[in-house]
All heavy atoms as atom14 arrays in JSON, in Angstrom:
{
  "sequence": "ICWTANQAPLLYTNNIIRIKTSSGIEGIGATLSYTENGFDRCIIEAMR",
  "atom14_mask": [
    [1, 1, 1, 1, 1, 1, 1, 1, 0, 0, 0, 0, 0, 0],
    [1, 1, 1, 1, 1, 1, 0, 0, 0, 0, 0, 0, 0, 0],
    [1, 1, 1, 1, 1, 1, 1, 1, 1, 1, 1, 1, 1, 1],
    [1, 1, 1, 1, 1, 1, 1, 0, 0, 0, 0, 0, 0, 0],
    [1, 1, 1, 1, 1, 0, 0, 0, 0, 0, 0, 0, 0, 0],
    [1, 1, 1, 1, 1, 1, 1, 1, 0, 0, 0, 0, 0, 0],
    [1, 1, 1, 1, 1, 1, 1, 1, 1, 0, 0, 0, 0, 0],
    [1, 1, 1, 1, 1, 0, 0, 0, 0, 0, 0, 0, 0, 0],
    [1, 1, 1, 1, 1, 1, 1, 0, 0, 0, 0, 0, 0, 0],
    [1, 1, 1, 1, 1, 1, 1, 1, 0, 0, 0, 0, 0, 0],
    [1, 1, 1, 1, 1, 1, 1, 1, 0, 0, 0, 0, 0, 0],
    [1, 1, 1, 1, 1, 1, 1, 1, 1, 1, 1, 1, 0, 0],
    [1, 1, 1, 1, 1, 1, 1, 0, 0, 0, 0, 0, 0, 0],
    [1, 1, 1, 1, 1, 1, 1, 1, 0, 0, 0, 0, 0, 0],
    [1, 1, 1, 1, 1, 1, 1, 1, 0, 0, 0, 0, 0, 0],
    [1, 1, 1, 1, 1, 1, 1, 1, 0, 0, 0, 0, 0, 0],
    [1, 1, 1, 1, 1, 1, 1, 1, 0, 0, 0, 0, 0, 0],
    [1, 1, 1, 1, 1, 1, 1, 1, 1, 1, 1, 0, 0, 0],
    [1, 1, 1, 1, 1, 1, 1, 1, 0, 0, 0, 0, 0, 0],
    [1, 1, 1, 1, 1, 1, 1, 1, 1, 0, 0, 0, 0, 0],
    [1, 1, 1, 1, 1, 1, 1, 0, 0, 0, 0, 0, 0, 0],
    [1, 1, 1, 1, 1, 1, 0, 0, 0, 0, 0, 0, 0, 0],
    [1, 1, 1, 1, 1, 1, 0, 0, 0, 0, 0, 0, 0, 0],
    [1, 1, 1, 1, 0, 0, 0, 0, 0, 0, 0, 0, 0, 0],
    [1, 1, 1, 1, 1, 1, 1, 1, 0, 0, 0, 0, 0, 0],
    [1, 1, 1, 1, 1, 1, 1, 1, 1, 0, 0, 0, 0, 0],
    [1, 1, 1, 1, 0, 0, 0, 0, 0, 0, 0, 0, 0, 0],
    [1, 1, 1, 1, 1, 1, 1, 1, 0, 0, 0, 0, 0, 0],
    [1, 1, 1, 1, 0, 0, 0, 0, 0, 0, 0, 0, 0, 0],
    [1, 1, 1, 1, 1, 0, 0, 0, 0, 0, 0, 0, 0, 0],
    [1, 1, 1, 1, 1, 1, 1, 0, 0, 0, 0, 0, 0, 0],
    [1, 1, 1, 1, 1, 1, 1, 1, 0, 0, 0, 0, 0, 0],
    [1, 1, 1, 1, 1, 1, 0, 0, 0, 0, 0, 0, 0, 0],
    [1, 1, 1, 1, 1, 1, 1, 1, 1, 1, 1, 1, 0, 0],
    [1, 1, 1, 1, 1, 1, 1, 0, 0, 0, 0, 0, 0, 0],
    [1, 1, 1, 1, 1, 1, 1, 1, 1, 0, 0, 0, 0, 0],
    [1, 1, 1, 1, 1, 1, 1, 1, 0, 0, 0, 0, 0, 0],
    [1, 1, 1, 1, 0, 0, 0, 0, 0, 0, 0, 0, 0, 0],
    [1, 1, 1, 1, 1, 1, 1, 1, 1, 1, 1, 0, 0, 0],
    [1, 1, 1, 1, 1, 1, 1, 1, 0, 0, 0, 0, 0, 0],
    [1, 1, 1, 1, 1, 1, 1, 1, 1, 1, 1, 0, 0, 0],
    [1, 1, 1, 1, 1, 1, 0, 0, 0, 0, 0, 0, 0, 0],
    [1, 1, 1, 1, 1, 1, 1, 1, 0, 0, 0, 0, 0, 0],
    [1, 1, 1, 1, 1, 1, 1, 1, 0, 0, 0, 0, 0, 0],
    [1, 1, 1, 1, 1, 1, 1, 1, 1, 0, 0, 0, 0, 0],
    [1, 1, 1, 1, 1, 0, 0, 0, 0, 0, 0, 0, 0, 0],
    [1, 1, 1, 1, 1, 1, 1, 1, 0, 0, 0, 0, 0, 0],
    [1, 1, 1, 1, 1, 1, 1, 1, 1, 1, 1, 0, 0, 0]
  ],
  "atom14_positions": [
    [[94.53, 111.18, 16.02], [93.99, 111.45, 14.66], [95.2, 111.64, 13.68], [96.14, 112.33, 14.0], [93.11, 112.67, 14.65], [91.86, 112.31, 15.49], [92.67, 112.91, 13.2], [91.04, 113.63, 15.67], [0.0, 0.0, 0.0], [0.0, 0.0, 0.0], [0.0, 0.0, 0.0], [0.0, 0.0, 0.0], [0.0, 0.0, 0.0], [0.0, 0.0, 0.0]],
    [[95.12, 111.05, 12.57], [96.3, 111.08, 11.6], [95.79, 112.22, 10.55], [94.65, 112.03, 10.02], [96.53, 109.76, 10.89], [98.25, 109.57, 10.29], [0.0, 0.0, 0.0], [0.0, 0.0, 0.0], [0.0, 0.0, 0.0], [0.0, 0.0, 0.0], [0.0, 0.0, 0.0], [0.0, 0.0, 0.0], [0.0, 0.0, 0.0], [0.0, 0.0, 0.0]],
    [[96.68, 112.96, 10.12], [96.44, 114.01, 9.1], [97.16, 113.72, 7.79], [96.71, 114.08, 6.76], [96.78, 115.42, 9.54], [95.85, 115.86, 10.7], [96.32, 116.13, 12.02], [94.36, 116.02, 10.71], [95.13, 116.41, 12.81], [94.08, 116.41, 12.03], [93.43, 115.86, 9.73], [92.74, 116.64, 12.5], [92.13, 116.16, 10.04], [91.8, 116.51, 11.42]],
    [[98.3, 113.31, 7.97], [99.24, 112.98, 6.72], [99.9, 111.64, 6.94], [100.14, 111.24, 8.03], [100.32, 114.09, 6.49], [101.25, 114.06, 7.5], [99.54, 115.53, 6.45], [0.0, 0.0, 0.0], [0.0, 0.0, 0.0], [0.0, 0.0, 0.0], [0.0, 0.0, 0.0], [0.0, 0.0, 0.0], [0.0, 0.0, 0.0], [0.0, 0.0, 0.0]],
    [[100.42, 111.06, 5.81], [101.1, 109.83, 5.97], [102.45, 109.86, 6.68], [102.96, 108.89, 7.04], [101.29, 109.18, 4.59], [0.0, 0.0, 0.0], [0.0, 0.0, 0.0], [0.0, 0.0, 0.0], [0.0, 0.0, 0.0], [0.0, 0.0, 0.0], [0.0, 0.0, 0.0], [0.0, 0.0, 0.0], [0.0, 0.0, 0.0], [0.0, 0.0, 0.0]],
    [[103.07, 111.1, 6.66], [104.42, 111.23, 7.19], [104.43, 111.6, 8.67], [105.43, 111.87, 9.24], [105.18, 112.29, 6.44], [104.66, 113.68, 6.68], [103.66, 113.91, 7.25], [105.49, 114.73, 6.3], [0.0, 0.0, 0.0], [0.0, 0.0, 0.0], [0.0, 0.0, 0.0], [0.0, 0.0, 0.0], [0.0, 0.0, 0.0], [0.0, 0.0, 0.0]],
    [[103.24, 111.64, 9.43], [103.13, 111.89, 10.7], [102.59, 110.65, 11.41], [101.72, 109.89, 10.96], [102.33, 113.2, 11.02], [102.88, 114.42, 10.58], [101.93, 115.61, 10.79], [100.66, 115.3, 10.83], [102.38, 116.78, 10.91], [0.0, 0.0, 0.0], [0.0, 0.0, 0.0], [0.0, 0.0, 0.0], [0.0, 0.0, 0.0], [0.0, 0.0, 0.0]],
    [[103.05, 110.49, 12.81], [102.35, 109.74, 13.67], [100.95, 110.27, 14.01], [100.81, 111.54, 13.95], [103.17, 109.37, 14.94], [0.0, 0.0, 0.0], [0.0, 0.0, 0.0], [0.0, 0.0, 0.0], [0.0, 0.0, 0.0], [0.0, 0.0, 0.0], [0.0, 0.0, 0.0], [0.0, 0.0, 0.0], [0.0, 0.0, 0.0], [0.0, 0.0, 0.0]],
    [[100.01, 109.43, 14.36], [98.64, 110.06, 14.82], [98.96, 111.02, 15.93], [99.77, 110.81, 16.88], [97.95, 108.76, 15.31], [98.4, 107.57, 14.5], [100.01, 107.95, 14.4], [0.0, 0.0, 0.0], [0.0, 0.0, 0.0], [0.0, 0.0, 0.0], [0.0, 0.0, 0.0], [0.0, 0.0, 0.0], [0.0, 0.0, 0.0], [0.0, 0.0, 0.0]],
    [[98.03, 112.02, 15.93], [98.35, 113.23, 16.73], [97.37, 113.22, 17.93], [96.27, 112.82, 17.82], [98.16, 114.53, 16.01], [99.13, 114.78, 14.86], [98.77, 116.03, 14.1], [100.54, 114.79, 15.27], [0.0, 0.0, 0.0], [0.0, 0.0, 0.0], [0.0, 0.0, 0.0], [0.0, 0.0, 0.0], [0.0, 0.0, 0.0], [0.0, 0.0, 0.0]],
    [[97.87, 113.74, 19.03], [97.14, 113.76, 20.35], [96.85, 115.41, 20.58], [97.63, 116.22, 20.28], [97.95, 113.27, 21.59], [98.28, 111.83, 21.36], [99.25, 111.49, 22.53], [97.05, 110.99, 21.55], [0.0, 0.0, 0.0], [0.0, 0.0, 0.0], [0.0, 0.0, 0.0], [0.0, 0.0, 0.0], [0.0, 0.0, 0.0], [0.0, 0.0, 0.0]],
    [[95.57, 115.67, 21.11], [95.05, 117.03, 21.04], [94.93, 117.56, 22.47], [94.36, 116.88, 23.31], [93.78, 116.99, 20.28], [93.97, 117.01, 18.83], [94.22, 115.78, 18.26], [94.04, 118.1, 18.08], [94.39, 115.68, 16.92], [94.36, 118.03, 16.65], [94.47, 116.75, 16.16], [94.9, 116.69, 14.7], [0.0, 0.0, 0.0], [0.0, 0.0, 0.0]],
    [[95.41, 118.8, 22.6], [95.31, 119.46, 23.99], [94.46, 120.74, 23.75], [94.76, 121.44, 22.85], [96.76, 119.88, 24.51], [97.57, 118.69, 24.71], [96.65, 120.48, 25.83], [0.0, 0.0, 0.0], [0.0, 0.0, 0.0], [0.0, 0.0, 0.0], [0.0, 0.0, 0.0], [0.0, 0.0, 0.0], [0.0, 0.0, 0.0], [0.0, 0.0, 0.0]],
    [[93.6, 120.8, 24.74], [92.87, 122.14, 24.68], [93.42, 123.04, 25.87], [93.28, 122.74, 26.99], [91.29, 121.89, 24.97], [90.4, 123.04, 24.67], [90.87, 123.97, 23.93], [89.11, 122.83, 25.05], [0.0, 0.0, 0.0], [0.0, 0.0, 0.0], [0.0, 0.0, 0.0], [0.0, 0.0, 0.0], [0.0, 0.0, 0.0], [0.0, 0.0, 0.0]],
    [[94.02, 124.22, 25.41], [94.68, 125.11, 26.28], [93.7, 126.19, 26.76], [93.48, 127.14, 25.84], [95.96, 125.63, 25.67], [96.9, 124.54, 25.33], [97.55, 123.91, 26.13], [96.93, 124.21, 23.97], [0.0, 0.0, 0.0], [0.0, 0.0, 0.0], [0.0, 0.0, 0.0], [0.0, 0.0, 0.0], [0.0, 0.0, 0.0], [0.0, 0.0, 0.0]],
    [[93.2, 126.14, 27.86], [92.02, 127.01, 28.2], [92.49, 128.03, 29.27], [93.25, 127.73, 30.11], [90.83, 126.14, 28.96], [90.38, 125.03, 27.94], [89.74, 127.13, 29.42], [89.41, 124.13, 28.58], [0.0, 0.0, 0.0], [0.0, 0.0, 0.0], [0.0, 0.0, 0.0], [0.0, 0.0, 0.0], [0.0, 0.0, 0.0], [0.0, 0.0, 0.0]],
    [[91.94, 129.28, 29.04], [92.18, 130.31, 30.04], [90.73, 130.82, 30.61], [89.74, 130.81, 29.83], [92.82, 131.59, 29.44], [93.1, 132.66, 30.48], [91.97, 132.23, 28.32], [94.1, 133.73, 30.0], [0.0, 0.0, 0.0], [0.0, 0.0, 0.0], [0.0, 0.0, 0.0], [0.0, 0.0, 0.0], [0.0, 0.0, 0.0], [0.0, 0.0, 0.0]],
    [[90.72, 131.03, 31.87], [89.52, 131.54, 32.56], [89.92, 132.73, 33.32], [90.71, 132.78, 34.26], [89.04, 130.45, 33.47], [87.69, 130.8, 34.22], [87.32, 129.73, 35.19], [85.98, 129.78, 35.7], [85.55, 129.07, 36.66], [86.26, 128.18, 37.14], [84.16, 129.26, 37.13], [0.0, 0.0, 0.0], [0.0, 0.0, 0.0], [0.0, 0.0, 0.0]],
    [[89.3, 133.95, 32.86], [89.74, 135.18, 33.4], [88.59, 135.64, 34.28], [87.43, 135.76, 33.77], [90.02, 136.26, 32.35], [91.34, 135.85, 31.68], [90.15, 137.65, 32.92], [91.78, 136.86, 30.51], [0.0, 0.0, 0.0], [0.0, 0.0, 0.0], [0.0, 0.0, 0.0], [0.0, 0.0, 0.0], [0.0, 0.0, 0.0], [0.0, 0.0, 0.0]],
    [[88.81, 136.08, 35.58], [87.79, 136.66, 36.36], [88.04, 138.17, 36.66], [89.24, 138.47, 36.74], [87.72, 135.9, 37.78], [87.29, 134.4, 37.51], [87.12, 133.71, 38.88], [86.77, 132.24, 38.67], [86.4, 131.62, 39.94], [0.0, 0.0, 0.0], [0.0, 0.0, 0.0], [0.0, 0.0, 0.0], [0.0, 0.0, 0.0], [0.0, 0.0, 0.0]],
    [[87.01, 138.81, 36.67], [87.13, 140.31, 36.87], [86.68, 140.79, 38.26], [86.08, 140.12, 38.96], [86.39, 141.15, 35.8], [84.96, 140.86, 35.98], [86.8, 140.58, 34.4], [0.0, 0.0, 0.0], [0.0, 0.0, 0.0], [0.0, 0.0, 0.0], [0.0, 0.0, 0.0], [0.0, 0.0, 0.0], [0.0, 0.0, 0.0], [0.0, 0.0, 0.0]],
    [[87.08, 142.05, 38.57], [86.7, 142.64, 39.8], [85.13, 142.72, 40.0], [84.67, 142.8, 41.14], [87.34, 143.9, 40.01], [87.0, 144.8, 38.83], [0.0, 0.0, 0.0], [0.0, 0.0, 0.0], [0.0, 0.0, 0.0], [0.0, 0.0, 0.0], [0.0, 0.0, 0.0], [0.0, 0.0, 0.0], [0.0, 0.0, 0.0], [0.0, 0.0, 0.0]],
    [[84.46, 142.71, 38.89], [83.0, 142.87, 38.92], [82.22, 141.5, 39.06], [81.05, 141.41, 39.16], [82.45, 143.6, 37.67], [82.51, 142.75, 36.68], [0.0, 0.0, 0.0], [0.0, 0.0, 0.0], [0.0, 0.0, 0.0], [0.0, 0.0, 0.0], [0.0, 0.0, 0.0], [0.0, 0.0, 0.0], [0.0, 0.0, 0.0], [0.0, 0.0, 0.0]],
    [[83.05, 140.39, 38.93], [82.46, 139.05, 38.96], [82.2, 138.46, 37.55], [81.91, 137.26, 37.46], [0.0, 0.0, 0.0], [0.0, 0.0, 0.0], [0.0, 0.0, 0.0], [0.0, 0.0, 0.0], [0.0, 0.0, 0.0], [0.0, 0.0, 0.0], [0.0, 0.0, 0.0], [0.0, 0.0, 0.0], [0.0, 0.0, 0.0], [0.0, 0.0, 0.0]],
    [[82.26, 139.36, 36.49], [82.19, 138.79, 35.17], [83.41, 137.96, 34.8], [84.56, 138.44, 35.14], [81.9, 139.84, 34.14], [80.61, 140.53, 34.45], [81.97, 139.34, 32.72], [80.39, 141.77, 33.57], [0.0, 0.0, 0.0], [0.0, 0.0, 0.0], [0.0, 0.0, 0.0], [0.0, 0.0, 0.0], [0.0, 0.0, 0.0], [0.0, 0.0, 0.0]],
    [[83.25, 136.92, 34.12], [84.4, 136.07, 33.78], [84.4, 135.78, 32.24], [83.42, 135.76, 31.68], [84.59, 134.83, 34.62], [83.54, 133.72, 34.26], [83.71, 132.35, 35.02], [84.07, 132.48, 36.26], [83.88, 131.34, 34.38], [0.0, 0.0, 0.0], [0.0, 0.0, 0.0], [0.0, 0.0, 0.0], [0.0, 0.0, 0.0], [0.0, 0.0, 0.0]],
    [[85.62, 135.62, 31.66], [85.72, 135.35, 30.24], [86.63, 134.05, 30.02], [87.47, 133.78, 30.85], [0.0, 0.0, 0.0], [0.0, 0.0, 0.0], [0.0, 0.0, 0.0], [0.0, 0.0, 0.0], [0.0, 0.0, 0.0], [0.0, 0.0, 0.0], [0.0, 0.0, 0.0], [0.0, 0.0, 0.0], [0.0, 0.0, 0.0], [0.0, 0.0, 0.0]],
    [[86.31, 133.35, 28.97], [87.12, 132.19, 28.68], [87.6, 132.22, 27.26], [87.03, 132.88, 26.36], [86.24, 130.94, 28.94], [84.9, 130.93, 28.02], [86.07, 130.67, 30.4], [84.11, 129.57, 28.24], [0.0, 0.0, 0.0], [0.0, 0.0, 0.0], [0.0, 0.0, 0.0], [0.0, 0.0, 0.0], [0.0, 0.0, 0.0], [0.0, 0.0, 0.0]],
    [[88.69, 131.6, 26.95], [89.29, 131.32, 25.63], [90.04, 130.22, 25.61], [90.39, 129.54, 26.57], [0.0, 0.0, 0.0], [0.0, 0.0, 0.0], [0.0, 0.0, 0.0], [0.0, 0.0, 0.0], [0.0, 0.0, 0.0], [0.0, 0.0, 0.0], [0.0, 0.0, 0.0], [0.0, 0.0, 0.0], [0.0, 0.0, 0.0], [0.0, 0.0, 0.0]],
    [[90.53, 129.97, 24.41], [91.42, 128.56, 24.35], [92.08, 128.54, 23.02], [91.73, 129.31, 22.01], [90.56, 127.31, 24.51], [0.0, 0.0, 0.0], [0.0, 0.0, 0.0], [0.0, 0.0, 0.0], [0.0, 0.0, 0.0], [0.0, 0.0, 0.0], [0.0, 0.0, 0.0], [0.0, 0.0, 0.0], [0.0, 0.0, 0.0], [0.0, 0.0, 0.0]],
    [[93.05, 127.77, 22.99], [93.83, 127.46, 21.76], [94.07, 125.96, 21.71], [94.33, 125.28, 22.68], [95.08, 128.28, 21.41], [95.46, 128.01, 20.05], [96.24, 127.9, 22.27], [0.0, 0.0, 0.0], [0.0, 0.0, 0.0], [0.0, 0.0, 0.0], [0.0, 0.0, 0.0], [0.0, 0.0, 0.0], [0.0, 0.0, 0.0], [0.0, 0.0, 0.0]],
    [[94.13, 125.36, 20.59], [94.38, 123.88, 20.36], [95.77, 123.68, 20.04], [96.4, 124.48, 19.51], [93.55, 123.4, 19.13], [93.72, 122.02, 18.66], [93.0, 121.08, 19.71], [93.22, 121.83, 17.33], [0.0, 0.0, 0.0], [0.0, 0.0, 0.0], [0.0, 0.0, 0.0], [0.0, 0.0, 0.0], [0.0, 0.0, 0.0], [0.0, 0.0, 0.0]],
    [[96.43, 122.69, 20.63], [97.79, 122.3, 20.27], [97.71, 120.68, 20.05], [97.02, 119.97, 20.66], [98.75, 122.64, 21.3], [98.59, 122.25, 22.51], [0.0, 0.0, 0.0], [0.0, 0.0, 0.0], [0.0, 0.0, 0.0], [0.0, 0.0, 0.0], [0.0, 0.0, 0.0], [0.0, 0.0, 0.0], [0.0, 0.0, 0.0], [0.0, 0.0, 0.0]],
    [[98.62, 120.28, 19.12], [98.65, 118.82, 18.83], [100.07, 118.41, 18.57], [100.82, 119.0, 18.07], [97.8, 118.62, 17.51], [97.89, 119.61, 16.45], [98.78, 119.46, 15.44], [97.03, 120.6, 16.39], [98.88, 120.38, 14.5], [97.14, 121.7, 15.5], [98.02, 121.54, 14.38], [98.17, 122.52, 13.55], [0.0, 0.0, 0.0], [0.0, 0.0, 0.0]],
    [[100.28, 117.17, 19.08], [101.74, 116.75, 19.1], [101.79, 115.14, 18.99], [100.65, 114.48, 19.27], [102.31, 117.0, 20.5], [101.46, 116.88, 21.55], [102.82, 118.44, 20.49], [0.0, 0.0, 0.0], [0.0, 0.0, 0.0], [0.0, 0.0, 0.0], [0.0, 0.0, 0.0], [0.0, 0.0, 0.0], [0.0, 0.0, 0.0], [0.0, 0.0, 0.0]],
    [[102.78, 114.56, 18.51], [103.03, 113.12, 18.5], [103.59, 112.71, 19.83], [104.33, 113.4, 20.55], [104.03, 112.84, 17.41], [103.61, 113.32, 15.98], [104.66, 113.09, 14.97], [105.86, 113.68, 15.09], [104.47, 112.35, 13.94], [0.0, 0.0, 0.0], [0.0, 0.0, 0.0], [0.0, 0.0, 0.0], [0.0, 0.0, 0.0], [0.0, 0.0, 0.0]],
    [[103.1, 111.53, 20.24], [103.75, 110.78, 21.3], [103.52, 111.38, 22.76], [104.2, 110.96, 23.64], [105.22, 110.7, 21.03], [105.69, 110.07, 19.83], [105.02, 108.93, 19.44], [106.41, 110.63, 19.1], [0.0, 0.0, 0.0], [0.0, 0.0, 0.0], [0.0, 0.0, 0.0], [0.0, 0.0, 0.0], [0.0, 0.0, 0.0], [0.0, 0.0, 0.0]],
    [[102.65, 112.26, 22.84], [102.26, 112.86, 24.13], [101.48, 114.14, 24.08], [101.57, 114.77, 23.02], [0.0, 0.0, 0.0], [0.0, 0.0, 0.0], [0.0, 0.0, 0.0], [0.0, 0.0, 0.0], [0.0, 0.0, 0.0], [0.0, 0.0, 0.0], [0.0, 0.0, 0.0], [0.0, 0.0, 0.0], [0.0, 0.0, 0.0], [0.0, 0.0, 0.0]],
    [[100.85, 114.5, 25.08], [100.06, 115.67, 25.03], [100.95, 116.88, 25.22], [101.79, 117.01, 26.02], [98.95, 115.67, 26.06], [97.95, 114.75, 25.9], [97.83, 113.47, 26.48], [96.95, 114.88, 24.85], [96.97, 112.48, 26.22], [95.99, 113.9, 24.55], [95.88, 112.64, 25.28], [0.0, 0.0, 0.0], [0.0, 0.0, 0.0], [0.0, 0.0, 0.0]],
    [[100.53, 118.0, 24.57], [101.49, 119.19, 24.57], [101.31, 120.01, 25.93], [100.33, 120.2, 26.38], [101.05, 120.11, 23.49], [101.74, 121.47, 23.45], [102.94, 121.35, 23.36], [101.09, 122.48, 23.49], [0.0, 0.0, 0.0], [0.0, 0.0, 0.0], [0.0, 0.0, 0.0], [0.0, 0.0, 0.0], [0.0, 0.0, 0.0], [0.0, 0.0, 0.0]],
    [[102.52, 120.52, 26.27], [102.71, 121.31, 27.41], [103.2, 122.71, 27.08], [103.35, 123.65, 27.86], [103.51, 120.8, 28.58], [102.71, 119.56, 29.29], [103.79, 118.83, 30.21], [103.23, 117.85, 31.0], [102.53, 117.89, 32.15], [102.56, 119.14, 32.81], [102.01, 116.87, 32.92], [0.0, 0.0, 0.0], [0.0, 0.0, 0.0], [0.0, 0.0, 0.0]],
    [[103.66, 122.76, 25.86], [104.46, 124.09, 25.41], [103.5, 125.35, 25.49], [103.94, 126.38, 26.06], [105.0, 123.87, 24.08], [106.11, 122.59, 23.9], [0.0, 0.0, 0.0], [0.0, 0.0, 0.0], [0.0, 0.0, 0.0], [0.0, 0.0, 0.0], [0.0, 0.0, 0.0], [0.0, 0.0, 0.0], [0.0, 0.0, 0.0], [0.0, 0.0, 0.0]],
    [[102.22, 125.19, 25.06], [101.47, 126.39, 25.06], [101.11, 127.0, 26.26], [101.11, 128.03, 26.7], [100.08, 126.11, 24.23], [100.55, 125.8, 22.69], [99.2, 127.25, 24.29], [101.27, 126.98, 22.03], [0.0, 0.0, 0.0], [0.0, 0.0, 0.0], [0.0, 0.0, 0.0], [0.0, 0.0, 0.0], [0.0, 0.0, 0.0], [0.0, 0.0, 0.0]],
    [[100.63, 126.01, 27.27], [100.28, 126.34, 28.67], [101.43, 126.94, 29.44], [101.36, 127.89, 30.14], [99.49, 125.28, 29.4], [98.93, 126.03, 30.65], [100.59, 124.24, 29.86], [97.95, 125.06, 31.47], [0.0, 0.0, 0.0], [0.0, 0.0, 0.0], [0.0, 0.0, 0.0], [0.0, 0.0, 0.0], [0.0, 0.0, 0.0], [0.0, 0.0, 0.0]],
    [[102.62, 126.44, 29.09], [103.83, 126.92, 29.75], [104.14, 128.34, 29.3], [104.68, 129.2, 30.06], [105.04, 126.02, 29.59], [104.94, 124.69, 30.3], [104.92, 124.99, 31.91], [105.51, 125.89, 32.38], [104.36, 124.03, 32.56], [0.0, 0.0, 0.0], [0.0, 0.0, 0.0], [0.0, 0.0, 0.0], [0.0, 0.0, 0.0], [0.0, 0.0, 0.0]],
    [[103.93, 128.63, 27.91], [104.07, 129.92, 27.46], [103.03, 130.91, 28.0], [103.32, 132.04, 28.31], [104.0, 129.88, 25.84], [0.0, 0.0, 0.0], [0.0, 0.0, 0.0], [0.0, 0.0, 0.0], [0.0, 0.0, 0.0], [0.0, 0.0, 0.0], [0.0, 0.0, 0.0], [0.0, 0.0, 0.0], [0.0, 0.0, 0.0], [0.0, 0.0, 0.0]],
    [[101.87, 130.46, 28.04], [100.75, 131.22, 28.68], [101.02, 131.55, 30.12], [100.57, 132.68, 30.62], [99.39, 130.48, 28.61], [98.86, 130.33, 27.22], [97.49, 129.22, 26.98], [96.28, 130.07, 27.92], [0.0, 0.0, 0.0], [0.0, 0.0, 0.0], [0.0, 0.0, 0.0], [0.0, 0.0, 0.0], [0.0, 0.0, 0.0], [0.0, 0.0, 0.0]],
    [[101.67, 130.64, 30.84], [102.02, 130.9, 32.34], [102.89, 132.16, 32.41], [102.91, 132.86, 33.37], [102.72, 129.72, 32.78], [103.28, 129.8, 34.15], [103.94, 128.47, 34.65], [104.99, 128.25, 33.94], [106.28, 128.7, 34.16], [106.52, 129.63, 35.19], [107.26, 128.28, 33.43], [0.0, 0.0, 0.0], [0.0, 0.0, 0.0], [0.0, 0.0, 0.0]]
  ]
}
């Protein structure tokens, strides 16, 4: 997807976390990242 004329079309990554608890309840969350020329790995590496 293109947003401005000065960028190449962007590719979108959904960076998802799945947290499990000792009681069995789990929670999920995510953040979006977008990059030119390939899918982003920066956010998940920071989350790691």
